[in-house]
Amino acid sequence: MDKEINALNERLEEKVALVGQLSAIVVELNSKVERMDKNTAVMKHRVEQMEEKHSDLQKDMIKAKSVAGKMVMELALLQQQLGLAPSMELQHIFKCQGTFVGHKGPVWALCKCGEQLFSASSDNTIKVWDLSATYAGPQTLTGHSGIVLALQCHGDVLFSGSSDSTIRVWNVKTLEMTASFSAHDDPVCTLACSESMVFSGSLRSIKVWDILSYRPIKELPSQNHWVRALVVSGNYLYSGSYKTVKVHLSV
């Protein structure tokens, strides 16, 4: 009986010693974790500081490029006024201020509205780029199931036409889609707006829509090919197709 008790005591002592070793390991691990947490916090703070400095530096570079571009333009104008330059070369006027990257395919259309630039792409999306000093963005408008081929702004409204044969309507302030309607049997290649109407071009067809209700008003048939360009000026609508430009008068 005494031997069994002694054996149990020995095992108990071994277990206690093992628990002590494990406790020491746990304490050491907790200490390492705490040190790692502190190091992580320090690194995170340094990264945040670097990102902040990078953002400030990027803003300063954009401002510096803008100022330099204006100075070059003013110098070119002054040289021309003083007769020191025979002509104002375009390379002295237009200088790249930046490049927007974000689409996953070719850009088919651009439209500027206030301090926002909208770009349409074959990736079925519309990107929204901030043209203010921050150049933040882009934001992405989704909804089309095909290539976005056309964009047109009218006030606070953006119209987009797509190869999915629809026209979608967006609020440029909230960037929310407010309407969508089937426009043609074929892709919508181009859009234009007057004060009261929206014009859309497709295969051998131009359709006219009410700009508020988006109801169809009429169709201008007898186009000889794809209508790929539309421009409105006063009571006139100009349409571009294969080898031809047609002039339409609103009466």
C-alpha atoms as a PDB file:
ATOM      1  CA  MET A   1       0.000   0.000   0.000  1.00  0.00           C
ATOM      2  CA  ASP A   2       2.841   2.395   0.901  1.00  0.00           C
ATOM      3  CA  LYS A   3       4.562   1.630  -2.399  1.00  0.00           C
ATOM      4  CA  GLU A   4       1.436   2.512  -4.332  1.00  0.00           C
ATOM      5  CA  ILE A   5       1.066   5.780  -2.408  1.00  0.00           C
ATOM      6  CA  ASN A   6       4.721   6.626  -3.023  1.00  0.00           C
ATOM      7  CA  ALA A   7       4.297   5.862  -6.710  1.00  0.00           C
ATOM      8  CA  LEU A   8       1.235   8.092  -6.888  1.00  0.00           C
ATOM      9  CA  ASN A   9       3.094  10.879  -5.094  1.00  0.00           C
ATOM     10  CA  GLU A  10       5.960  10.599  -7.545  1.00  0.00           C
ATOM     11  CA  ARG A  11       3.550  10.804 -10.482  1.00  0.00           C
ATOM     12  CA  LEU A  12       1.809  13.747  -8.866  1.00  0.00           C
ATOM     13  CA  GLU A  13       5.120  15.533  -8.398  1.00  0.00           C
ATOM     14  CA  GLU A  14       5.983  14.877 -12.060  1.00  0.00           C
ATOM     15  CA  LYS A  15       2.619  16.309 -13.123  1.00  0.00           C
ATOM     16  CA  VAL A  16       3.101  19.351 -10.893  1.00  0.00           C
ATOM     17  CA  ALA A  17       6.585  19.881 -12.345  1.00  0.00           C
ATOM     18  CA  LEU A  18       5.154  19.535 -15.876  1.00  0.00           C
ATOM     19  CA  VAL A  19       2.399  22.025 -15.084  1.00  0.00           C
ATOM     20  CA  GLY A  20       5.028  24.400 -13.767  1.00  0.00           C
ATOM     21  CA  GLN A  21       7.044  24.049 -16.973  1.00  0.00           C
ATOM     22  CA  LEU A  22       3.923  24.603 -19.074  1.00  0.00           C
ATOM     23  CA  SER A  23       2.999  27.649 -17.015  1.00  0.00           C
ATOM     24  CA  ALA A  24       6.460  29.088 -17.558  1.00  0.00           C
ATOM     25  CA  ILE A  25       6.117  28.458 -21.305  1.00  0.00           C
ATOM     26  CA  VAL A  26       2.685  30.144 -21.336  1.00  0.00           C
ATOM     27  CA  VAL A  27       4.076  33.162 -19.476  1.00  0.00           C
ATOM     28  CA  GLU A  28       6.957  33.398 -21.949  1.00  0.00           C
ATOM     29  CA  LEU A  29       4.557  33.086 -24.899  1.00  0.00           C
ATOM     30  CA  ASN A  30       2.294  35.804 -23.469  1.00  0.00           C
ATOM     31  CA  SER A  31       5.336  38.020 -23.064  1.00  0.00           C
ATOM     32  CA  LYS A  32       6.318  37.428 -26.704  1.00  0.00           C
ATOM     33  CA  VAL A  33       2.758  38.093 -27.877  1.00  0.00           C
ATOM     34  CA  GLU A  34       2.706  41.366 -25.939  1.00  0.00           C
ATOM     35  CA  ARG A  35       6.027  42.386 -27.489  1.00  0.00           C
ATOM     36  CA  MET A  36       4.709  41.451 -30.932  1.00  0.00           C
ATOM     37  CA  ASP A  37       1.536  43.475 -30.330  1.00  0.00           C
ATOM     38  CA  LYS A  38       3.630  46.479 -29.342  1.00  0.00           C
ATOM     39  CA  ASN A  39       5.865  46.049 -32.388  1.00  0.00           C
ATOM     40  CA  THR A  40       2.793  45.677 -34.605  1.00  0.00           C
ATOM     41  CA  ALA A  41       1.276  48.839 -33.153  1.00  0.00           C
ATOM     42  CA  VAL A  42       4.521  50.720 -33.726  1.00  0.00           C
ATOM     43  CA  MET A  43       4.769  49.443 -37.302  1.00  0.00           C
ATOM     44  CA  LYS A  44       1.119  50.308 -37.974  1.00  0.00           C
ATOM     45  CA  HIS A  45       1.701  53.819 -36.677  1.00  0.00           C
ATOM     46  CA  ARG A  46       4.779  54.192 -38.898  1.00  0.00           C
ATOM     47  CA  VAL A  47       2.853  52.907 -41.935  1.00  0.00           C
ATOM     48  CA  GLU A  48       0.040  55.382 -41.247  1.00  0.00           C
ATOM     49  CA  GLN A  49       2.578  58.193 -40.970  1.00  0.00           C
ATOM     50  CA  MET A  50       4.218  57.114 -44.256  1.00  0.00           C
ATOM     51  CA  GLU A  51       0.836  56.908 -46.005  1.00  0.00           C
ATOM     52  CA  GLU A  52      -0.063  60.364 -44.716  1.00  0.00           C
ATOM     53  CA  LYS A  53       3.268  61.771 -45.909  1.00  0.00           C
ATOM     54  CA  HIS A  54       2.816  60.045 -49.284  1.00  0.00           C
ATOM     55  CA  SER A  55      -0.675  61.530 -49.653  1.00  0.00           C
ATOM     56  CA  ASP A  56       0.581  65.011 -48.775  1.00  0.00           C
ATOM     57  CA  LEU A  57       3.502  64.598 -51.178  1.00  0.00           C
ATOM     58  CA  GLN A  58       1.171  63.466 -53.956  1.00  0.00           C
ATOM     59  CA  LYS A  59      -1.068  66.504 -53.412  1.00  0.00           C
ATOM     60  CA  ASP A  60       1.955  68.812 -53.437  1.00  0.00           C
ATOM     61  CA  MET A  61       3.184  67.236 -56.678  1.00  0.00           C
ATOM     62  CA  ILE A  62      -0.210  67.685 -58.335  1.00  0.00           C
ATOM     63  CA  LYS A  63      -0.338  71.328 -57.245  1.00  0.00           C
ATOM     64  CA  ALA A  64       3.247  71.881 -58.397  1.00  0.00           C
ATOM     65  CA  LYS A  65       2.482  70.351 -61.817  1.00  0.00           C
ATOM     66  CA  SER A  66      -0.606  72.531 -62.138  1.00  0.00           C
ATOM     67  CA  VAL A  67       1.352  75.683 -61.254  1.00  0.00           C
ATOM     68  CA  ALA A  68       4.171  74.713 -63.619  1.00  0.00           C
ATOM     69  CA  GLY A  69       1.695  74.091 -66.425  1.00  0.00           C
ATOM     70  CA  LYS A  70       0.093  77.500 -65.926  1.00  0.00           C
ATOM     71  CA  MET A  71       3.506  79.174 -65.856  1.00  0.00           C
ATOM     72  CA  VAL A  72       4.517  77.470 -69.120  1.00  0.00           C
ATOM     73  CA  MET A  73       1.256  78.573 -70.746  1.00  0.00           C
ATOM     74  CA  GLU A  74       1.657  82.165 -69.536  1.00  0.00           C
ATOM     75  CA  LEU A  75       5.258  82.205 -70.762  1.00  0.00           C
ATOM     76  CA  ALA A  76       4.219  80.928 -74.188  1.00  0.00           C
ATOM     77  CA  LEU A  77       1.495  83.584 -74.407  1.00  0.00           C
ATOM     78  CA  LEU A  78       3.958  86.286 -73.375  1.00  0.00           C
ATOM     79  CA  GLN A  79       6.494  85.121 -75.955  1.00  0.00           C
ATOM     80  CA  GLN A  80       3.851  85.254 -78.658  1.00  0.00           C
ATOM     81  CA  GLN A  81       2.690  88.739 -77.607  1.00  0.00           C
ATOM     82  CA  LEU A  82       6.279  90.002 -77.658  1.00  0.00           C
ATOM     83  CA  GLY A  83       6.897  88.428 -81.016  1.00  0.00           C
ATOM     84  CA  LEU A  84       9.551  86.134 -79.627  1.00  0.00           C
ATOM     85  CA  ALA A  85       7.731  83.022 -80.739  1.00  0.00           C
ATOM     86  CA  PRO A  86       6.257  82.627 -84.237  1.00  0.00           C
ATOM     87  CA  SER A  87       3.418  80.434 -83.018  1.00  0.00           C
ATOM     88  CA  MET A  88       2.190  78.834 -79.846  1.00  0.00           C
ATOM     89  CA  GLU A  89       3.078  75.185 -80.059  1.00  0.00           C
ATOM     90  CA  LEU A  90       0.550  72.770 -78.635  1.00  0.00           C
ATOM     91  CA  GLN A  91       3.158  70.887 -76.617  1.00  0.00           C
ATOM     92  CA  HIS A  92       3.680  74.064 -74.582  1.00  0.00           C
ATOM     93  CA  ILE A  93      -0.034  74.282 -73.784  1.00  0.00           C
ATOM     94  CA  PHE A  94      -1.166  70.732 -73.159  1.00  0.00           C
ATOM     95  CA  LYS A  95       0.787  68.834 -70.555  1.00  0.00           C
ATOM     96  CA  CYS A  96      -0.279  65.603 -68.934  1.00  0.00           C
ATOM     97  CA  GLN A  97      -1.371  66.325 -65.368  1.00  0.00           C
ATOM     98  CA  GLY A  98      -2.005  62.714 -64.399  1.00  0.00           C
ATOM     99  CA  THR A  99      -3.311  59.337 -65.514  1.00  0.00           C
ATOM    100  CA  PHE A 100      -6.427  57.588 -64.246  1.00  0.00           C
ATOM    101  CA  VAL A 101      -6.136  53.807 -64.089  1.00  0.00           C
ATOM    102  CA  GLY A 102      -8.969  51.522 -63.043  1.00  0.00           C
ATOM    103  CA  HIS A 103     -10.808  49.964 -65.983  1.00  0.00           C
ATOM    104  CA  LYS A 104     -10.167  46.392 -67.090  1.00  0.00           C
ATOM    105  CA  GLY A 105     -10.800  47.075 -70.755  1.00  0.00           C
ATOM    106  CA  PRO A 106     -10.857  49.798 -73.433  1.00  0.00           C
ATOM    107  CA  VAL A 107     -12.515  53.119 -72.575  1.00  0.00           C
ATOM    108  CA  TRP A 108     -15.302  53.860 -75.068  1.00  0.00           C
ATOM    109  CA  ALA A 109     -16.726  57.161 -73.851  1.00  0.00           C
ATOM    110  CA  LEU A 110     -16.016  60.116 -71.560  1.00  0.00           C
ATOM    111  CA  CYS A 111     -18.309  62.718 -70.072  1.00  0.00           C
ATOM    112  CA  LYS A 112     -17.482  65.588 -67.712  1.00  0.00           C
ATOM    113  CA  CYS A 113     -20.047  66.943 -65.267  1.00  0.00           C
ATOM    114  CA  GLY A 114     -18.872  69.573 -62.778  1.00  0.00           C
ATOM    115  CA  GLU A 115     -15.818  68.255 -60.958  1.00  0.00           C
ATOM    116  CA  GLN A 116     -16.526  64.677 -61.995  1.00  0.00           C
ATOM    117  CA  LEU A 117     -15.283  62.782 -65.026  1.00  0.00           C
ATOM    118  CA  PHE A 118     -17.232  59.695 -66.097  1.00  0.00           C
ATOM    119  CA  SER A 119     -15.588  56.989 -68.205  1.00  0.00           C
ATOM    120  CA  ALA A 120     -17.331  54.058 -69.899  1.00  0.00           C
ATOM    121  CA  SER A 121     -15.577  50.802 -70.676  1.00  0.00           C
ATOM    122  CA  SER A 122     -15.856  47.337 -72.168  1.00  0.00           C
ATOM    123  CA  ASP A 123     -15.656  45.970 -68.611  1.00  0.00           C
ATOM    124  CA  ASN A 124     -19.398  46.876 -68.354  1.00  0.00           C
ATOM    125  CA  THR A 125     -18.767  49.618 -65.793  1.00  0.00           C
ATOM    126  CA  ILE A 126     -18.710  53.391 -65.503  1.00  0.00           C
ATOM    127  CA  LYS A 127     -15.908  54.907 -63.424  1.00  0.00           C
ATOM    128  CA  VAL A 128     -16.302  58.223 -61.637  1.00  0.00           C
ATOM    129  CA  TRP A 129     -13.125  60.294 -61.236  1.00  0.00           C
ATOM    130  CA  ASP A 130     -12.785  63.306 -58.948  1.00  0.00           C
ATOM    131  CA  LEU A 131     -11.240  66.221 -60.848  1.00  0.00           C
ATOM    132  CA  SER A 132     -10.814  68.430 -57.780  1.00  0.00           C
ATOM    133  CA  ALA A 133      -7.425  68.936 -56.106  1.00  0.00           C
ATOM    134  CA  THR A 134      -7.642  65.587 -54.303  1.00  0.00           C
ATOM    135  CA  TYR A 135      -8.011  63.447 -57.468  1.00  0.00           C
ATOM    136  CA  ALA A 136      -9.733  60.855 -55.267  1.00  0.00           C
ATOM    137  CA  GLY A 137     -11.441  57.783 -56.639  1.00  0.00           C
ATOM    138  CA  PRO A 138     -12.494  56.086 -58.618  1.00  0.00           C
ATOM    139  CA  GLN A 139     -16.027  55.098 -57.747  1.00  0.00           C
ATOM    140  CA  THR A 140     -17.701  52.471 -59.908  1.00  0.00           C
ATOM    141  CA  LEU A 141     -21.224  52.402 -61.332  1.00  0.00           C
ATOM    142  CA  THR A 142     -22.455  48.920 -62.182  1.00  0.00           C
ATOM    143  CA  GLY A 143     -25.687  47.715 -63.733  1.00  0.00           C
ATOM    144  CA  HIS A 144     -25.045  47.260 -67.435  1.00  0.00           C
ATOM    145  CA  SER A 145     -24.581  43.688 -68.627  1.00  0.00           C
ATOM    146  CA  GLY A 146     -22.671  44.727 -71.737  1.00  0.00           C
ATOM    147  CA  ILE A 147     -20.032  47.153 -72.970  1.00  0.00           C
ATOM    148  CA  VAL A 148     -20.864  50.741 -72.004  1.00  0.00           C
ATOM    149  CA  LEU A 149     -20.551  52.590 -75.307  1.00  0.00           C
ATOM    150  CA  ALA A 150     -22.059  56.030 -74.691  1.00  0.00           C
ATOM    151  CA  LEU A 151     -22.347  58.680 -71.989  1.00  0.00           C
ATOM    152  CA  GLN A 152     -24.241  61.977 -71.900  1.00  0.00           C
ATOM    153  CA  CYS A 153     -24.777  64.443 -69.039  1.00  0.00           C
ATOM    154  CA  HIS A 154     -27.745  66.750 -68.683  1.00  0.00           C
ATOM    155  CA  GLY A 155     -27.846  68.803 -65.485  1.00  0.00           C
ATOM    156  CA  ASP A 156     -27.581  66.412 -62.555  1.00  0.00           C
ATOM    157  CA  VAL A 157     -28.412  63.400 -64.705  1.00  0.00           C
ATOM    158  CA  LEU A 158     -26.073  61.016 -66.514  1.00  0.00           C
ATOM    159  CA  PHE A 159     -27.374  58.813 -69.325  1.00  0.00           C
ATOM    160  CA  SER A 160     -25.435  55.696 -70.341  1.00  0.00           C
ATOM    161  CA  GLY A 161     -25.963  53.477 -73.378  1.00  0.00           C
ATOM    162  CA  SER A 162     -24.713  49.928 -73.700  1.00  0.00           C
ATOM    163  CA  SER A 163     -24.381  46.903 -75.938  1.00  0.00           C
ATOM    164  CA  ASP A 164     -27.040  45.336 -73.707  1.00  0.00           C
ATOM    165  CA  SER A 165     -29.477  47.580 -75.672  1.00  0.00           C
ATOM    166  CA  THR A 166     -30.505  49.578 -72.604  1.00  0.00           C
ATOM    167  CA  ILE A 167     -30.197  53.175 -71.459  1.00  0.00           C
ATOM    168  CA  ARG A 168     -29.593  53.707 -67.769  1.00  0.00           C
ATOM    169  CA  VAL A 169     -30.095  56.940 -65.869  1.00  0.00           C
ATOM    170  CA  TRP A 170     -27.876  58.006 -62.954  1.00  0.00           C
ATOM    171  CA  ASN A 171     -27.976  60.809 -60.406  1.00  0.00           C
ATOM    172  CA  VAL A 172     -24.531  62.440 -60.629  1.00  0.00           C
ATOM    173  CA  LYS A 173     -24.708  63.666 -57.015  1.00  0.00           C
ATOM    174  CA  THR A 174     -25.682  60.412 -55.303  1.00  0.00           C
ATOM    175  CA  LEU A 175     -24.271  58.163 -58.076  1.00  0.00           C
ATOM    176  CA  GLU A 176     -27.390  56.026 -57.799  1.00  0.00           C
ATOM    177  CA  MET A 177     -29.214  54.554 -60.782  1.00  0.00           C
ATOM    178  CA  THR A 178     -32.673  56.123 -60.991  1.00  0.00           C
ATOM    179  CA  ALA A 179     -34.052  54.467 -64.121  1.00  0.00           C
ATOM    180  CA  SER A 180     -33.336  51.853 -66.763  1.00  0.00           C
ATOM    181  CA  PHE A 181     -35.199  51.060 -69.973  1.00  0.00           C
ATOM    182  CA  SER A 182     -34.779  48.960 -73.089  1.00  0.00           C
ATOM    183  CA  ALA A 183     -33.990  51.355 -75.927  1.00  0.00           C
ATOM    184  CA  HIS A 184     -33.154  49.367 -79.066  1.00  0.00           C
ATOM    185  CA  ASP A 185     -32.982  45.833 -80.388  1.00  0.00           C
ATOM    186  CA  ASP A 186     -29.255  46.386 -80.908  1.00  0.00           C
ATOM    187  CA  PRO A 187     -26.458  48.104 -78.956  1.00  0.00           C
ATOM    188  CA  VAL A 188     -26.866  51.757 -78.037  1.00  0.00           C
ATOM    189  CA  CYS A 189     -23.819  53.354 -79.668  1.00  0.00           C
ATOM    190  CA  THR A 190     -24.303  57.057 -78.970  1.00  0.00           C
ATOM    191  CA  LEU A 191     -26.405  59.506 -76.957  1.00  0.00           C
ATOM    192  CA  ALA A 192     -27.227  63.205 -77.128  1.00  0.00           C
ATOM    193  CA  CYS A 193     -29.526  65.548 -75.210  1.00  0.00           C
ATOM    194  CA  SER A 194     -31.527  68.680 -75.851  1.00  0.00           C
ATOM    195  CA  GLU A 195     -33.462  70.585 -73.204  1.00  0.00           C
ATOM    196  CA  SER A 196     -36.456  68.267 -73.475  1.00  0.00           C
ATOM    197  CA  MET A 197     -35.301  65.169 -75.344  1.00  0.00           C
ATOM    198  CA  VAL A 198     -32.759  62.352 -75.275  1.00  0.00           C
ATOM    199  CA  PHE A 199     -31.541  60.901 -78.581  1.00  0.00           C
ATOM    200  CA  SER A 200     -30.054  57.421 -78.920  1.00  0.00           C
ATOM    201  CA  GLY A 201     -28.345  55.889 -81.930  1.00  0.00           C
ATOM    202  CA  SER A 202     -28.191  52.228 -82.876  1.00  0.00           C
ATOM    203  CA  LEU A 203     -28.294  50.011 -85.976  1.00  0.00           C
ATOM    204  CA  ARG A 204     -30.129  51.975 -88.718  1.00  0.00           C
ATOM    205  CA  SER A 205     -32.134  53.789 -86.080  1.00  0.00           C
ATOM    206  CA  ILE A 206     -32.314  56.960 -83.998  1.00  0.00           C
ATOM    207  CA  LYS A 207     -34.860  57.103 -81.209  1.00  0.00           C
ATOM    208  CA  VAL A 208     -36.147  60.162 -79.398  1.00  0.00           C
ATOM    209  CA  TRP A 209     -37.123  59.998 -75.717  1.00  0.00           C
ATOM    210  CA  ASP A 210     -38.760  62.435 -73.307  1.00  0.00           C
ATOM    211  CA  ILE A 211     -35.982  63.641 -71.016  1.00  0.00           C
ATOM    212  CA  LEU A 212     -38.153  63.535 -67.873  1.00  0.00           C
ATOM    213  CA  SER A 213     -40.425  60.513 -68.298  1.00  0.00           C
ATOM    214  CA  TYR A 214     -38.074  58.542 -70.614  1.00  0.00           C
ATOM    215  CA  ARG A 215     -41.090  57.641 -72.756  1.00  0.00           C
ATOM    216  CA  PRO A 216     -40.479  57.176 -76.491  1.00  0.00           C
ATOM    217  CA  ILE A 217     -41.516  60.148 -78.635  1.00  0.00           C
ATOM    218  CA  LYS A 218     -40.603  58.932 -82.119  1.00  0.00           C
ATOM    219  CA  GLU A 219     -38.090  56.991 -84.171  1.00  0.00           C
ATOM    220  CA  LEU A 220     -36.039  58.315 -87.079  1.00  0.00           C
ATOM    221  CA  PRO A 221     -35.577  55.314 -89.386  1.00  0.00           C
ATOM    222  CA  SER A 222     -33.952  55.052 -92.803  1.00  0.00           C
ATOM    223  CA  GLN A 223     -30.412  55.310 -91.413  1.00  0.00           C
ATOM    224  CA  ASN A 224     -28.016  53.542 -93.751  1.00  0.00           C
ATOM    225  CA  HIS A 225     -25.829  51.868 -91.127  1.00  0.00           C
ATOM    226  CA  TRP A 226     -24.820  51.997 -87.469  1.00  0.00           C
ATOM    227  CA  VAL A 227     -25.445  55.452 -86.006  1.00  0.00           C
ATOM    228  CA  ARG A 228     -22.277  56.068 -84.015  1.00  0.00           C
ATOM    229  CA  ALA A 229     -22.368  59.828 -83.407  1.00  0.00           C
ATOM    230  CA  LEU A 230     -25.078  62.337 -82.442  1.00  0.00           C
ATOM    231  CA  VAL A 231     -24.850  66.080 -81.765  1.00  0.00           C
ATOM    232  CA  VAL A 232     -27.673  68.481 -80.864  1.00  0.00           C
ATOM    233  CA  SER A 233     -27.474  72.195 -81.632  1.00  0.00           C
ATOM    234  CA  GLY A 234     -30.597  74.296 -81.274  1.00  0.00           C
ATOM    235  CA  ASN A 235     -33.364  72.696 -83.343  1.00  0.00           C
ATOM    236  CA  TYR A 236     -30.906  70.572 -85.291  1.00  0.00           C
ATOM    237  CA  LEU A 237     -29.786  67.002 -84.709  1.00  0.00           C
ATOM    238  CA  TYR A 238     -26.684  65.810 -86.555  1.00  0.00           C
ATOM    239  CA  SER A 239     -26.096  62.081 -86.920  1.00  0.00           C
ATOM    240  CA  GLY A 240     -22.963  60.308 -88.111  1.00  0.00           C
ATOM    241  CA  SER A 241     -23.092  56.912 -89.789  1.00  0.00           C
ATOM    242  CA  TYR A 242     -21.191  54.993 -92.469  1.00  0.00           C
ATOM    243  CA  LYS A 243     -19.736  57.602 -94.877  1.00  0.00           C
ATOM    244  CA  THR A 244     -22.571  60.036 -94.132  1.00  0.00           C
ATOM    245  CA  VAL A 245     -23.637  62.825 -91.805  1.00  0.00           C
ATOM    246  CA  LYS A 246     -27.353  63.591 -91.726  1.00  0.00           C
ATOM    247  CA  VAL A 247     -29.020  66.795 -90.579  1.00  0.00           C
ATOM    248  CA  HIS A 248     -32.400  66.516 -88.864  1.00  0.00           C
ATOM    249  CA  LEU A 249     -34.587  69.547 -88.116  1.00  0.00           C
ATOM    250  CA  SER A 250     -37.022  69.529 -85.210  1.00  0.00           C
ATOM    251  CA  VAL A 251     -40.331  71.105 -86.264  1.00  0.00           C
END
